[in-house]
mmCIF file of all heavy atoms, coordinates in Angstrom:
data_MODEL
# 
_entry.id   MODEL 
# 
loop_
_atom_site.group_PDB 
_atom_site.id 
_atom_site.type_symbol 
_atom_site.label_atom_id 
_atom_site.label_alt_id 
_atom_site.label_comp_id 
_atom_site.label_asym_id 
_atom_site.label_entity_id 
_atom_site.label_seq_id 
_atom_site.pdbx_PDB_ins_code 
_atom_site.Cartn_x 
_atom_site.Cartn_y 
_atom_site.Cartn_z 
_atom_site.occupancy 
_atom_site.B_iso_or_equiv 
_atom_site.pdbx_formal_charge 
_atom_site.auth_seq_id 
_atom_site.auth_comp_id 
_atom_site.auth_asym_id 
_atom_site.auth_atom_id 
_atom_site.pdbx_PDB_model_num 
ATOM 1   N N   . GLY A 1 1  ? 83.306 -50.787 -31.854 1.00 0.00 ? 1  GLY A N   1 
ATOM 2   C CA  . GLY A 1 1  ? 84.388 -50.859 -32.815 1.00 0.00 ? 1  GLY A CA  1 
ATOM 3   C C   . GLY A 1 1  ? 84.534 -49.638 -33.682 1.00 0.00 ? 1  GLY A C   1 
ATOM 4   O O   . GLY A 1 1  ? 85.415 -49.559 -34.546 1.00 0.00 ? 1  GLY A O   1 
ATOM 5   N N   . LYS A 1 2  ? 83.771 -48.593 -33.454 1.00 0.00 ? 2  LYS A N   1 
ATOM 6   C CA  . LYS A 1 2  ? 83.787 -47.343 -34.180 1.00 0.00 ? 2  LYS A CA  1 
ATOM 7   C C   . LYS A 1 2  ? 84.149 -46.201 -33.318 1.00 0.00 ? 2  LYS A C   1 
ATOM 8   O O   . LYS A 1 2  ? 83.998 -46.226 -32.122 1.00 0.00 ? 2  LYS A O   1 
ATOM 9   C CB  . LYS A 1 2  ? 82.529 -47.086 -34.922 1.00 0.00 ? 2  LYS A CB  1 
ATOM 10  C CG  . LYS A 1 2  ? 82.185 -48.147 -36.005 1.00 0.00 ? 2  LYS A CG  1 
ATOM 11  C CD  . LYS A 1 2  ? 80.966 -47.773 -36.783 1.00 0.00 ? 2  LYS A CD  1 
ATOM 12  C CE  . LYS A 1 2  ? 80.681 -48.779 -37.879 1.00 0.00 ? 2  LYS A CE  1 
ATOM 13  N NZ  . LYS A 1 2  ? 79.507 -48.401 -38.659 1.00 0.00 ? 2  LYS A NZ  1 
ATOM 14  N N   . THR A 1 3  ? 84.540 -45.092 -33.901 1.00 0.00 ? 3  THR A N   1 
ATOM 15  C CA  . THR A 1 3  ? 84.882 -43.853 -33.220 1.00 0.00 ? 3  THR A CA  1 
ATOM 16  C C   . THR A 1 3  ? 83.547 -43.203 -32.692 1.00 0.00 ? 3  THR A C   1 
ATOM 17  O O   . THR A 1 3  ? 82.579 -43.237 -33.409 1.00 0.00 ? 3  THR A O   1 
ATOM 18  C CB  . THR A 1 3  ? 85.591 -42.850 -34.178 1.00 0.00 ? 3  THR A CB  1 
ATOM 19  O OG1 . THR A 1 3  ? 86.768 -43.519 -34.645 1.00 0.00 ? 3  THR A OG1 1 
ATOM 20  C CG2 . THR A 1 3  ? 85.980 -41.545 -33.431 1.00 0.00 ? 3  THR A CG2 1 
ATOM 21  N N   . ALA A 1 4  ? 83.603 -42.592 -31.540 1.00 0.00 ? 4  ALA A N   1 
ATOM 22  C CA  . ALA A 1 4  ? 82.437 -41.882 -30.994 1.00 0.00 ? 4  ALA A CA  1 
ATOM 23  C C   . ALA A 1 4  ? 82.104 -40.671 -31.829 1.00 0.00 ? 4  ALA A C   1 
ATOM 24  O O   . ALA A 1 4  ? 82.956 -40.027 -32.354 1.00 0.00 ? 4  ALA A O   1 
ATOM 25  C CB  . ALA A 1 4  ? 82.691 -41.471 -29.550 1.00 0.00 ? 4  ALA A CB  1 
ATOM 26  N N   . ARG A 1 5  ? 80.814 -40.410 -31.939 1.00 0.00 ? 5  ARG A N   1 
ATOM 27  C CA  . ARG A 1 5  ? 80.332 -39.243 -32.721 1.00 0.00 ? 5  ARG A CA  1 
ATOM 28  C C   . ARG A 1 5  ? 79.652 -38.257 -31.746 1.00 0.00 ? 5  ARG A C   1 
ATOM 29  O O   . ARG A 1 5  ? 78.818 -38.658 -30.955 1.00 0.00 ? 5  ARG A O   1 
ATOM 30  C CB  . ARG A 1 5  ? 79.260 -39.737 -33.701 1.00 0.00 ? 5  ARG A CB  1 
ATOM 31  C CG  . ARG A 1 5  ? 78.538 -38.685 -34.423 1.00 0.00 ? 5  ARG A CG  1 
ATOM 32  C CD  . ARG A 1 5  ? 77.491 -39.307 -35.382 1.00 0.00 ? 5  ARG A CD  1 
ATOM 33  N NE  . ARG A 1 5  ? 76.506 -38.304 -35.724 1.00 0.00 ? 5  ARG A NE  1 
ATOM 34  C CZ  . ARG A 1 5  ? 75.329 -38.556 -36.277 1.00 0.00 ? 5  ARG A CZ  1 
ATOM 35  N NH1 . ARG A 1 5  ? 74.986 -39.816 -36.554 1.00 0.00 ? 5  ARG A NH1 1 
ATOM 36  N NH2 . ARG A 1 5  ? 74.525 -37.587 -36.586 1.00 0.00 ? 5  ARG A NH2 1 
ATOM 37  N N   . LYS A 1 6  ? 80.054 -37.003 -31.807 1.00 0.00 ? 6  LYS A N   1 
ATOM 38  C CA  . LYS A 1 6  ? 79.479 -35.981 -30.950 1.00 0.00 ? 6  LYS A CA  1 
ATOM 39  C C   . LYS A 1 6  ? 78.101 -35.605 -31.494 1.00 0.00 ? 6  LYS A C   1 
ATOM 40  O O   . LYS A 1 6  ? 77.914 -35.393 -32.692 1.00 0.00 ? 6  LYS A O   1 
ATOM 41  C CB  . LYS A 1 6  ? 80.346 -34.714 -30.856 1.00 0.00 ? 6  LYS A CB  1 
ATOM 42  C CG  . LYS A 1 6  ? 79.903 -33.801 -29.781 1.00 0.00 ? 6  LYS A CG  1 
ATOM 43  C CD  . LYS A 1 6  ? 81.002 -32.776 -29.498 1.00 0.00 ? 6  LYS A CD  1 
ATOM 44  C CE  . LYS A 1 6  ? 80.677 -31.978 -28.255 1.00 0.00 ? 6  LYS A CE  1 
ATOM 45  N NZ  . LYS A 1 6  ? 81.722 -31.028 -27.951 1.00 0.00 ? 6  LYS A NZ  1 
ATOM 46  N N   . LEU A 1 7  ? 77.115 -35.479 -30.572 1.00 0.00 ? 7  LEU A N   1 
ATOM 47  C CA  . LEU A 1 7  ? 75.760 -35.142 -30.950 1.00 0.00 ? 7  LEU A CA  1 
ATOM 48  C C   . LEU A 1 7  ? 75.350 -33.785 -30.338 1.00 0.00 ? 7  LEU A C   1 
ATOM 49  O O   . LEU A 1 7  ? 75.754 -33.485 -29.210 1.00 0.00 ? 7  LEU A O   1 
ATOM 50  C CB  . LEU A 1 7  ? 74.777 -36.205 -30.452 1.00 0.00 ? 7  LEU A CB  1 
ATOM 51  C CG  . LEU A 1 7  ? 75.021 -37.616 -30.977 1.00 0.00 ? 7  LEU A CG  1 
ATOM 52  C CD1 . LEU A 1 7  ? 74.103 -38.583 -30.263 1.00 0.00 ? 7  LEU A CD1 1 
ATOM 53  C CD2 . LEU A 1 7  ? 74.849 -37.699 -32.473 1.00 0.00 ? 7  LEU A CD2 1 
ATOM 54  N N   . VAL A 1 8  ? 74.569 -32.989 -31.067 1.00 0.00 ? 8  VAL A N   1 
ATOM 55  C CA  . VAL A 1 8  ? 74.052 -31.781 -30.588 1.00 0.00 ? 8  VAL A CA  1 
ATOM 56  C C   . VAL A 1 8  ? 72.580 -31.652 -30.996 1.00 0.00 ? 8  VAL A C   1 
ATOM 57  O O   . VAL A 1 8  ? 72.120 -32.435 -31.858 1.00 0.00 ? 8  VAL A O   1 
ATOM 58  C CB  . VAL A 1 8  ? 74.847 -30.569 -31.143 1.00 0.00 ? 8  VAL A CB  1 
ATOM 59  C CG1 . VAL A 1 8  ? 76.271 -30.505 -30.650 1.00 0.00 ? 8  VAL A CG1 1 
ATOM 60  C CG2 . VAL A 1 8  ? 74.810 -30.480 -32.638 1.00 0.00 ? 8  VAL A CG2 1 
ATOM 61  N N   . ALA A 1 9  ? 71.863 -30.709 -30.442 1.00 0.00 ? 9  ALA A N   1 
ATOM 62  C CA  . ALA A 1 9  ? 70.450 -30.524 -30.784 1.00 0.00 ? 9  ALA A CA  1 
ATOM 63  C C   . ALA A 1 9  ? 70.227 -30.457 -32.275 1.00 0.00 ? 9  ALA A C   1 
ATOM 64  O O   . ALA A 1 9  ? 70.947 -29.832 -32.978 1.00 0.00 ? 9  ALA A O   1 
ATOM 65  C CB  . ALA A 1 9  ? 69.936 -29.264 -30.133 1.00 0.00 ? 9  ALA A CB  1 
ATOM 66  N N   . GLY A 1 10 ? 69.246 -31.292 -32.722 1.00 0.00 ? 10 GLY A N   1 
ATOM 67  C CA  . GLY A 1 10 ? 68.915 -31.323 -34.161 1.00 0.00 ? 10 GLY A CA  1 
ATOM 68  C C   . GLY A 1 10 ? 69.508 -32.577 -34.837 1.00 0.00 ? 10 GLY A C   1 
ATOM 69  O O   . GLY A 1 10 ? 69.021 -32.941 -35.917 1.00 0.00 ? 10 GLY A O   1 
ATOM 70  N N   . ASP A 1 11 ? 70.457 -33.229 -34.205 1.00 0.00 ? 11 ASP A N   1 
ATOM 71  C CA  . ASP A 1 11 ? 71.021 -34.437 -34.788 1.00 0.00 ? 11 ASP A CA  1 
ATOM 72  C C   . ASP A 1 11 ? 70.060 -35.623 -34.672 1.00 0.00 ? 11 ASP A C   1 
ATOM 73  O O   . ASP A 1 11 ? 69.316 -35.683 -33.725 1.00 0.00 ? 11 ASP A O   1 
ATOM 74  C CB  . ASP A 1 11 ? 72.344 -34.834 -34.117 1.00 0.00 ? 11 ASP A CB  1 
ATOM 75  C CG  . ASP A 1 11 ? 73.525 -33.925 -34.544 1.00 0.00 ? 11 ASP A CG  1 
ATOM 76  O OD1 . ASP A 1 11 ? 73.381 -33.160 -35.526 1.00 0.00 ? 11 ASP A OD1 1 
ATOM 77  O OD2 . ASP A 1 11 ? 74.547 -33.964 -33.839 1.00 0.00 ? 11 ASP A OD2 1 
ATOM 78  N N   . THR A 1 12 ? 70.148 -36.505 -35.634 1.00 0.00 ? 12 THR A N   1 
ATOM 79  C CA  . THR A 1 12 ? 69.373 -37.738 -35.644 1.00 0.00 ? 12 THR A CA  1 
ATOM 80  C C   . THR A 1 12 ? 70.296 -38.929 -35.893 1.00 0.00 ? 12 THR A C   1 
ATOM 81  O O   . THR A 1 12 ? 71.208 -38.836 -36.736 1.00 0.00 ? 12 THR A O   1 
ATOM 82  C CB  . THR A 1 12 ? 68.309 -37.700 -36.743 1.00 0.00 ? 12 THR A CB  1 
ATOM 83  O OG1 . THR A 1 12 ? 67.457 -36.559 -36.510 1.00 0.00 ? 12 THR A OG1 1 
ATOM 84  C CG2 . THR A 1 12 ? 67.471 -38.928 -36.769 1.00 0.00 ? 12 THR A CG2 1 
ATOM 85  N N   . VAL A 1 13 ? 70.104 -39.981 -35.146 1.00 0.00 ? 13 VAL A N   1 
ATOM 86  C CA  . VAL A 1 13 ? 70.895 -41.207 -35.363 1.00 0.00 ? 13 VAL A CA  1 
ATOM 87  C C   . VAL A 1 13 ? 69.920 -42.370 -35.540 1.00 0.00 ? 13 VAL A C   1 
ATOM 88  O O   . VAL A 1 13 ? 68.952 -42.520 -34.769 1.00 0.00 ? 13 VAL A O   1 
ATOM 89  C CB  . VAL A 1 13 ? 71.770 -41.485 -34.121 1.00 0.00 ? 13 VAL A CB  1 
ATOM 90  C CG1 . VAL A 1 13 ? 72.577 -42.822 -34.319 1.00 0.00 ? 13 VAL A CG1 1 
ATOM 91  C CG2 . VAL A 1 13 ? 72.726 -40.343 -33.873 1.00 0.00 ? 13 VAL A CG2 1 
ATOM 92  N N   . VAL A 1 14 ? 70.155 -43.213 -36.551 1.00 0.00 ? 14 VAL A N   1 
ATOM 93  C CA  . VAL A 1 14 ? 69.370 -44.411 -36.724 1.00 0.00 ? 14 VAL A CA  1 
ATOM 94  C C   . VAL A 1 14 ? 70.277 -45.604 -36.538 1.00 0.00 ? 14 VAL A C   1 
ATOM 95  O O   . VAL A 1 14 ? 71.339 -45.720 -37.169 1.00 0.00 ? 14 VAL A O   1 
ATOM 96  C CB  . VAL A 1 14 ? 68.714 -44.492 -38.139 1.00 0.00 ? 14 VAL A CB  1 
ATOM 97  C CG1 . VAL A 1 14 ? 67.981 -45.803 -38.306 1.00 0.00 ? 14 VAL A CG1 1 
ATOM 98  C CG2 . VAL A 1 14 ? 67.831 -43.292 -38.385 1.00 0.00 ? 14 VAL A CG2 1 
ATOM 99  N N   . THR A 1 15 ? 69.981 -46.471 -35.612 1.00 0.00 ? 15 THR A N   1 
ATOM 100 C CA  . THR A 1 15 ? 70.744 -47.653 -35.293 1.00 0.00 ? 15 THR A CA  1 
ATOM 101 C C   . THR A 1 15 ? 69.942 -48.890 -35.697 1.00 0.00 ? 15 THR A C   1 
ATOM 102 O O   . THR A 1 15 ? 68.817 -49.037 -35.256 1.00 0.00 ? 15 THR A O   1 
ATOM 103 C CB  . THR A 1 15 ? 71.087 -47.755 -33.802 1.00 0.00 ? 15 THR A CB  1 
ATOM 104 O OG1 . THR A 1 15 ? 71.738 -46.551 -33.416 1.00 0.00 ? 15 THR A OG1 1 
ATOM 105 C CG2 . THR A 1 15 ? 72.012 -48.907 -33.499 1.00 0.00 ? 15 THR A CG2 1 
ATOM 106 N N   . ASN A 1 16 ? 70.520 -49.740 -36.537 1.00 0.00 ? 16 ASN A N   1 
ATOM 107 C CA  . ASN A 1 16 ? 69.808 -50.934 -36.982 1.00 0.00 ? 16 ASN A CA  1 
ATOM 108 C C   . ASN A 1 16 ? 69.876 -52.049 -35.902 1.00 0.00 ? 16 ASN A C   1 
ATOM 109 O O   . ASN A 1 16 ? 70.692 -52.033 -34.998 1.00 0.00 ? 16 ASN A O   1 
ATOM 110 C CB  . ASN A 1 16 ? 70.483 -51.467 -38.289 1.00 0.00 ? 16 ASN A CB  1 
ATOM 111 C CG  . ASN A 1 16 ? 70.249 -50.498 -39.414 1.00 0.00 ? 16 ASN A CG  1 
ATOM 112 O OD1 . ASN A 1 16 ? 69.113 -50.019 -39.565 1.00 0.00 ? 16 ASN A OD1 1 
ATOM 113 N ND2 . ASN A 1 16 ? 71.254 -50.261 -40.170 1.00 0.00 ? 16 ASN A ND2 1 
ATOM 114 N N   . LYS A 1 17 ? 68.969 -52.969 -36.025 1.00 0.00 ? 17 LYS A N   1 
ATOM 115 C CA  . LYS A 1 17 ? 68.850 -54.085 -35.132 1.00 0.00 ? 17 LYS A CA  1 
ATOM 116 C C   . LYS A 1 17 ? 70.178 -54.828 -35.025 1.00 0.00 ? 17 LYS A C   1 
ATOM 117 O O   . LYS A 1 17 ? 70.874 -55.047 -35.979 1.00 0.00 ? 17 LYS A O   1 
ATOM 118 C CB  . LYS A 1 17 ? 67.754 -55.049 -35.619 1.00 0.00 ? 17 LYS A CB  1 
ATOM 119 C CG  . LYS A 1 17 ? 67.565 -56.259 -34.739 1.00 0.00 ? 17 LYS A CG  1 
ATOM 120 C CD  . LYS A 1 17 ? 66.488 -57.141 -35.286 1.00 0.00 ? 17 LYS A CD  1 
ATOM 121 C CE  . LYS A 1 17 ? 66.280 -58.337 -34.363 1.00 0.00 ? 17 LYS A CE  1 
ATOM 122 N NZ  . LYS A 1 17 ? 65.219 -59.231 -34.888 1.00 0.00 ? 17 LYS A NZ  1 
ATOM 123 N N   . GLY A 1 18 ? 70.508 -55.151 -33.770 1.00 0.00 ? 18 GLY A N   1 
ATOM 124 C CA  . GLY A 1 18 ? 71.724 -55.924 -33.509 1.00 0.00 ? 18 GLY A CA  1 
ATOM 125 C C   . GLY A 1 18 ? 73.037 -55.163 -33.472 1.00 0.00 ? 18 GLY A C   1 
ATOM 126 O O   . GLY A 1 18 ? 74.066 -55.732 -33.263 1.00 0.00 ? 18 GLY A O   1 
ATOM 127 N N   . VAL A 1 19 ? 72.956 -53.825 -33.586 1.00 0.00 ? 19 VAL A N   1 
ATOM 128 C CA  . VAL A 1 19 ? 74.178 -52.979 -33.519 1.00 0.00 ? 19 VAL A CA  1 
ATOM 129 C C   . VAL A 1 19 ? 74.368 -52.548 -32.104 1.00 0.00 ? 19 VAL A C   1 
ATOM 130 O O   . VAL A 1 19 ? 73.539 -51.812 -31.534 1.00 0.00 ? 19 VAL A O   1 
ATOM 131 C CB  . VAL A 1 19 ? 74.072 -51.757 -34.498 1.00 0.00 ? 19 VAL A CB  1 
ATOM 132 C CG1 . VAL A 1 19 ? 75.267 -50.856 -34.288 1.00 0.00 ? 19 VAL A CG1 1 
ATOM 133 C CG2 . VAL A 1 19 ? 73.934 -52.211 -35.925 1.00 0.00 ? 19 VAL A CG2 1 
ATOM 134 N N   . LYS A 1 20 ? 75.420 -53.059 -31.479 1.00 0.00 ? 20 LYS A N   1 
ATOM 135 C CA  . LYS A 1 20 ? 75.740 -52.723 -30.083 1.00 0.00 ? 20 LYS A CA  1 
ATOM 136 C C   . LYS A 1 20 ? 76.271 -51.285 -30.065 1.00 0.00 ? 20 LYS A C   1 
ATOM 137 O O   . LYS A 1 20 ? 77.194 -50.915 -30.780 1.00 0.00 ? 20 LYS A O   1 
ATOM 138 C CB  . LYS A 1 20 ? 76.765 -53.660 -29.522 1.00 0.00 ? 20 LYS A CB  1 
ATOM 139 C CG  . LYS A 1 20 ? 77.001 -53.560 -28.075 1.00 0.00 ? 20 LYS A CG  1 
ATOM 140 C CD  . LYS A 1 20 ? 77.920 -54.683 -27.587 1.00 0.00 ? 20 LYS A CD  1 
ATOM 141 C CE  . LYS A 1 20 ? 78.197 -54.565 -26.106 1.00 0.00 ? 20 LYS A CE  1 
ATOM 142 N NZ  . LYS A 1 20 ? 79.093 -55.648 -25.659 1.00 0.00 ? 20 LYS A NZ  1 
ATOM 143 N N   . HIS A 1 21 ? 75.634 -50.429 -29.203 1.00 0.00 ? 21 HIS A N   1 
ATOM 144 C CA  . HIS A 1 21 ? 76.035 -49.032 -29.136 1.00 0.00 ? 21 HIS A CA  1 
ATOM 145 C C   . HIS A 1 21 ? 75.685 -48.471 -27.789 1.00 0.00 ? 21 HIS A C   1 
ATOM 146 O O   . HIS A 1 21 ? 75.024 -49.116 -26.971 1.00 0.00 ? 21 HIS A O   1 
ATOM 147 C CB  . HIS A 1 21 ? 75.315 -48.212 -30.203 1.00 0.00 ? 21 HIS A CB  1 
ATOM 148 C CG  . HIS A 1 21 ? 73.865 -48.025 -29.934 1.00 0.00 ? 21 HIS A CG  1 
ATOM 149 N ND1 . HIS A 1 21 ? 72.910 -49.030 -30.154 1.00 0.00 ? 21 HIS A ND1 1 
ATOM 150 C CD2 . HIS A 1 21 ? 73.150 -46.987 -29.389 1.00 0.00 ? 21 HIS A CD2 1 
ATOM 151 C CE1 . HIS A 1 21 ? 71.719 -48.578 -29.811 1.00 0.00 ? 21 HIS A CE1 1 
ATOM 152 N NE2 . HIS A 1 21 ? 71.841 -47.382 -29.354 1.00 0.00 ? 21 HIS A NE2 1 
ATOM 153 N N   . TRP A 1 22 ? 76.141 -47.263 -27.524 1.00 0.00 ? 22 TRP A N   1 
ATOM 154 C CA  . TRP A 1 22 ? 75.715 -46.540 -26.295 1.00 0.00 ? 22 TRP A CA  1 
ATOM 155 C C   . TRP A 1 22 ? 75.644 -45.057 -26.692 1.00 0.00 ? 22 TRP A C   1 
ATOM 156 O O   . TRP A 1 22 ? 76.173 -44.615 -27.688 1.00 0.00 ? 22 TRP A O   1 
ATOM 157 C CB  . TRP A 1 22 ? 76.766 -46.757 -25.162 1.00 0.00 ? 22 TRP A CB  1 
ATOM 158 C CG  . TRP A 1 22 ? 78.102 -46.155 -25.425 1.00 0.00 ? 22 TRP A CG  1 
ATOM 159 C CD1 . TRP A 1 22 ? 79.197 -46.746 -26.031 1.00 0.00 ? 22 TRP A CD1 1 
ATOM 160 C CD2 . TRP A 1 22 ? 78.543 -44.848 -25.003 1.00 0.00 ? 22 TRP A CD2 1 
ATOM 161 N NE1 . TRP A 1 22 ? 80.264 -45.864 -26.038 1.00 0.00 ? 22 TRP A NE1 1 
ATOM 162 C CE2 . TRP A 1 22 ? 79.869 -44.695 -25.450 1.00 0.00 ? 22 TRP A CE2 1 
ATOM 163 C CE3 . TRP A 1 22 ? 77.917 -43.748 -24.417 1.00 0.00 ? 22 TRP A CE3 1 
ATOM 164 C CZ2 . TRP A 1 22 ? 80.591 -43.518 -25.257 1.00 0.00 ? 22 TRP A CZ2 1 
ATOM 165 C CZ3 . TRP A 1 22 ? 78.678 -42.620 -24.202 1.00 0.00 ? 22 TRP A CZ3 1 
ATOM 166 C CH2 . TRP A 1 22 ? 79.974 -42.485 -24.599 1.00 0.00 ? 22 TRP A CH2 1 
ATOM 167 N N   . HIS A 1 23 ? 74.919 -44.345 -25.858 1.00 0.00 ? 23 HIS A N   1 
ATOM 168 C CA  . HIS A 1 23 ? 74.818 -42.862 -26.056 1.00 0.00 ? 23 HIS A CA  1 
ATOM 169 C C   . HIS A 1 23 ? 74.629 -42.222 -24.686 1.00 0.00 ? 23 HIS A C   1 
ATOM 170 O O   . HIS A 1 23 ? 74.030 -42.809 -23.788 1.00 0.00 ? 23 HIS A O   1 
ATOM 171 C CB  . HIS A 1 23 ? 73.668 -42.506 -27.003 1.00 0.00 ? 23 HIS A CB  1 
ATOM 172 C CG  . HIS A 1 23 ? 72.360 -43.072 -26.629 1.00 0.00 ? 23 HIS A CG  1 
ATOM 173 N ND1 . HIS A 1 23 ? 71.952 -44.369 -27.033 1.00 0.00 ? 23 HIS A ND1 1 
ATOM 174 C CD2 . HIS A 1 23 ? 71.309 -42.583 -25.955 1.00 0.00 ? 23 HIS A CD2 1 
ATOM 175 C CE1 . HIS A 1 23 ? 70.746 -44.596 -26.600 1.00 0.00 ? 23 HIS A CE1 1 
ATOM 176 N NE2 . HIS A 1 23 ? 70.323 -43.549 -25.935 1.00 0.00 ? 23 HIS A NE2 1 
ATOM 177 N N   . GLY A 1 24 ? 75.166 -40.985 -24.523 1.00 0.00 ? 24 GLY A N   1 
ATOM 178 C CA  . GLY A 1 24 ? 75.047 -40.298 -23.272 1.00 0.00 ? 24 GLY A CA  1 
ATOM 179 C C   . GLY A 1 24 ? 75.697 -38.929 -23.349 1.00 0.00 ? 24 GLY A C   1 
ATOM 180 O O   . GLY A 1 24 ? 76.251 -38.551 -24.389 1.00 0.00 ? 24 GLY A O   1 
ATOM 181 N N   . ALA A 1 25 ? 75.630 -38.185 -22.283 1.00 0.00 ? 25 ALA A N   1 
ATOM 182 C CA  . ALA A 1 25 ? 76.107 -36.788 -22.243 1.00 0.00 ? 25 ALA A CA  1 
ATOM 183 C C   . ALA A 1 25 ? 77.632 -36.698 -22.324 1.00 0.00 ? 25 ALA A C   1 
ATOM 184 O O   . ALA A 1 25 ? 78.344 -37.640 -21.942 1.00 0.00 ? 25 ALA A O   1 
ATOM 185 C CB  . ALA A 1 25 ? 75.632 -36.146 -20.944 1.00 0.00 ? 25 ALA A CB  1 
ATOM 186 N N   . THR A 1 26 ? 78.111 -35.560 -22.836 1.00 0.00 ? 26 THR A N   1 
ATOM 187 C CA  . THR A 1 26 ? 79.515 -35.255 -22.805 1.00 0.00 ? 26 THR A CA  1 
ATOM 188 C C   . THR A 1 26 ? 79.875 -34.915 -21.349 1.00 0.00 ? 26 THR A C   1 
ATOM 189 O O   . THR A 1 26 ? 78.978 -34.682 -20.532 1.00 0.00 ? 26 THR A O   1 
ATOM 190 C CB  . THR A 1 26 ? 79.909 -34.080 -23.708 1.00 0.00 ? 26 THR A CB  1 
ATOM 191 O OG1 . THR A 1 26 ? 79.230 -32.907 -23.275 1.00 0.00 ? 26 THR A OG1 1 
ATOM 192 C CG2 . THR A 1 26 ? 79.577 -34.381 -25.185 1.00 0.00 ? 26 THR A CG2 1 
# 
Protein backbone atom coordinates (compact mmCIF):
# COMPACT_ATOMS: atom_id res chain seq x y z
CA GLY A 1 0.00 0.00 0.00
CA LYS A 2 2.99 2.36 0.00
CA THR A 3 5.34 3.78 -2.65
CA ALA A 4 8.56 1.85 -3.32
CA ARG A 5 11.72 3.28 -1.77
CA LYS A 6 15.05 3.08 -3.63
CA LEU A 7 17.90 1.61 -1.57
CA VAL A 8 21.66 2.06 -1.97
CA ALA A 9 24.71 0.94 -0.01
CA GLY A 10 24.59 2.26 3.56
CA ASP A 11 20.78 2.38 3.78
CA THR A 12 19.01 0.61 6.64
CA VAL A 13 15.36 -0.43 6.77
CA VAL A 14 13.50 -1.68 9.84
CA THR A 15 10.24 -3.53 9.20
CA ASN A 16 7.95 -4.29 12.12
CA LYS A 17 6.21 -7.61 12.67
CA GLY A 18 3.21 -8.19 10.42
CA VAL A 19 4.16 -5.58 7.80
CA LYS A 20 3.86 -7.19 4.36
CA HIS A 21 6.76 -6.02 2.18
CA TRP A 22 9.24 -7.07 -0.47
CA HIS A 23 12.77 -6.04 -1.41
CA GLY A 24 15.00 -6.75 -4.40
CA ALA A 25 17.33 -5.35 -7.05
CA THR A 26 16.50 -2.53 -9.43
